[in-house]
Amino acid sequence: MLPKYEEEIAQWKIQDEDVLSYALFPQVAVDFFKYRQAQKTGVDPAVADTGNKAYPV
């Protein structure tokens, strides 16, 4: 099952432990991955318009 989980979170995976976190706590892990990505990039996905590629400053 781990290879399947690894494919599902490929866009968020930074380290191997991310796959285990997703396998054990799928919803919480995805929320954390989104938060971690927002902190790293400085873009909050909740307010970004990715369809039009418009990001708040």
C-alpha atoms as a PDB file:
ATOM      1  CA  MET A   1       0.000   0.000   0.000  1.00  0.00           C
ATOM      2  CA  LEU A   2       2.884   2.412   0.606  1.00  0.00           C
ATOM      3  CA  PRO A   3       3.702   2.848  -3.107  1.00  0.00           C
ATOM      4  CA  LYS A   4       0.035   3.748  -3.699  1.00  0.00           C
ATOM      5  CA  TYR A   5       0.132   6.324  -0.904  1.00  0.00           C
ATOM      6  CA  GLU A   6       3.403   7.701  -2.216  1.00  0.00           C
ATOM      7  CA  GLU A   7       1.791   8.314  -5.620  1.00  0.00           C
ATOM      8  CA  GLU A   8      -1.207  10.018  -4.008  1.00  0.00           C
ATOM      9  CA  ILE A   9       0.933  12.551  -2.131  1.00  0.00           C
ATOM     10  CA  ALA A  10       3.705  12.987  -4.688  1.00  0.00           C
ATOM     11  CA  GLN A  11       3.026  16.727  -4.955  1.00  0.00           C
ATOM     12  CA  TRP A  12       3.550  17.230  -1.210  1.00  0.00           C
ATOM     13  CA  LYS A  13       6.184  14.627  -0.345  1.00  0.00           C
ATOM     14  CA  ILE A  14       9.399  16.120   0.977  1.00  0.00           C
ATOM     15  CA  GLN A  15      10.639  13.271   3.131  1.00  0.00           C
ATOM     16  CA  ASP A  16       9.884   9.557   3.486  1.00  0.00           C
ATOM     17  CA  GLU A  17       8.022  10.112   6.750  1.00  0.00           C
ATOM     18  CA  ASP A  18       5.367  12.052   4.843  1.00  0.00           C
ATOM     19  CA  VAL A  19       4.135   8.789   3.311  1.00  0.00           C
ATOM     20  CA  LEU A  20       3.763   7.210   6.744  1.00  0.00           C
ATOM     21  CA  SER A  21       1.948  10.257   8.083  1.00  0.00           C
ATOM     22  CA  TYR A  22      -0.481  10.083   5.170  1.00  0.00           C
ATOM     23  CA  ALA A  23      -0.985   6.329   5.595  1.00  0.00           C
ATOM     24  CA  LEU A  24      -1.867   6.734   9.273  1.00  0.00           C
ATOM     25  CA  PHE A  25      -3.732  10.059   9.223  1.00  0.00           C
ATOM     26  CA  PRO A  26      -4.794  10.891   5.634  1.00  0.00           C
ATOM     27  CA  GLN A  27      -6.947  13.984   6.213  1.00  0.00           C
ATOM     28  CA  VAL A  28      -4.756  15.524   8.896  1.00  0.00           C
ATOM     29  CA  ALA A  29      -1.610  14.850   6.865  1.00  0.00           C
ATOM     30  CA  VAL A  30      -2.988  16.552   3.738  1.00  0.00           C
ATOM     31  CA  ASP A  31      -3.968  19.608   5.787  1.00  0.00           C
ATOM     32  CA  PHE A  32      -0.464  19.682   7.265  1.00  0.00           C
ATOM     33  CA  PHE A  33       1.170  19.317   3.837  1.00  0.00           C
ATOM     34  CA  LYS A  34      -0.867  22.244   2.524  1.00  0.00           C
ATOM     35  CA  TYR A  35       0.059  24.335   5.563  1.00  0.00           C
ATOM     36  CA  ARG A  36       3.745  23.423   5.220  1.00  0.00           C
ATOM     37  CA  GLN A  37       3.709  24.334   1.535  1.00  0.00           C
ATOM     38  CA  ALA A  38       2.004  27.665   2.294  1.00  0.00           C
ATOM     39  CA  GLN A  39       4.636  28.479   4.902  1.00  0.00           C
ATOM     40  CA  LYS A  40       7.441  27.580   2.508  1.00  0.00           C
ATOM     41  CA  THR A  41       6.114  29.487  -0.524  1.00  0.00           C
ATOM     42  CA  GLY A  42       4.368  32.322   1.295  1.00  0.00           C
ATOM     43  CA  VAL A  43       1.129  31.687  -0.639  1.00  0.00           C
ATOM     44  CA  ASP A  44      -2.024  30.697   1.197  1.00  0.00           C
ATOM     45  CA  PRO A  45      -3.845  28.185  -1.045  1.00  0.00           C
ATOM     46  CA  ALA A  46      -7.172  29.127   0.553  1.00  0.00           C
ATOM     47  CA  VAL A  47      -7.058  32.626  -0.992  1.00  0.00           C
ATOM     48  CA  ALA A  48      -5.059  31.894  -4.150  1.00  0.00           C
ATOM     49  CA  ASP A  49      -6.848  31.722  -7.486  1.00  0.00           C
ATOM     50  CA  THR A  50      -4.791  28.943  -9.068  1.00  0.00           C
ATOM     51  CA  GLY A  51      -7.051  28.724 -12.118  1.00  0.00           C
ATOM     52  CA  ASN A  52      -6.147  32.255 -13.174  1.00  0.00           C
ATOM     53  CA  LYS A  53      -2.710  32.105 -11.522  1.00  0.00           C
ATOM     54  CA  ALA A  54      -3.561  35.067  -9.294  1.00  0.00           C
ATOM     55  CA  TYR A  55      -1.906  35.097  -5.896  1.00  0.00           C
ATOM     56  CA  PRO A  56      -2.421  37.711  -3.202  1.00  0.00           C
ATOM     57  CA  VAL A  57       0.582  39.736  -2.105  1.00  0.00           C
END
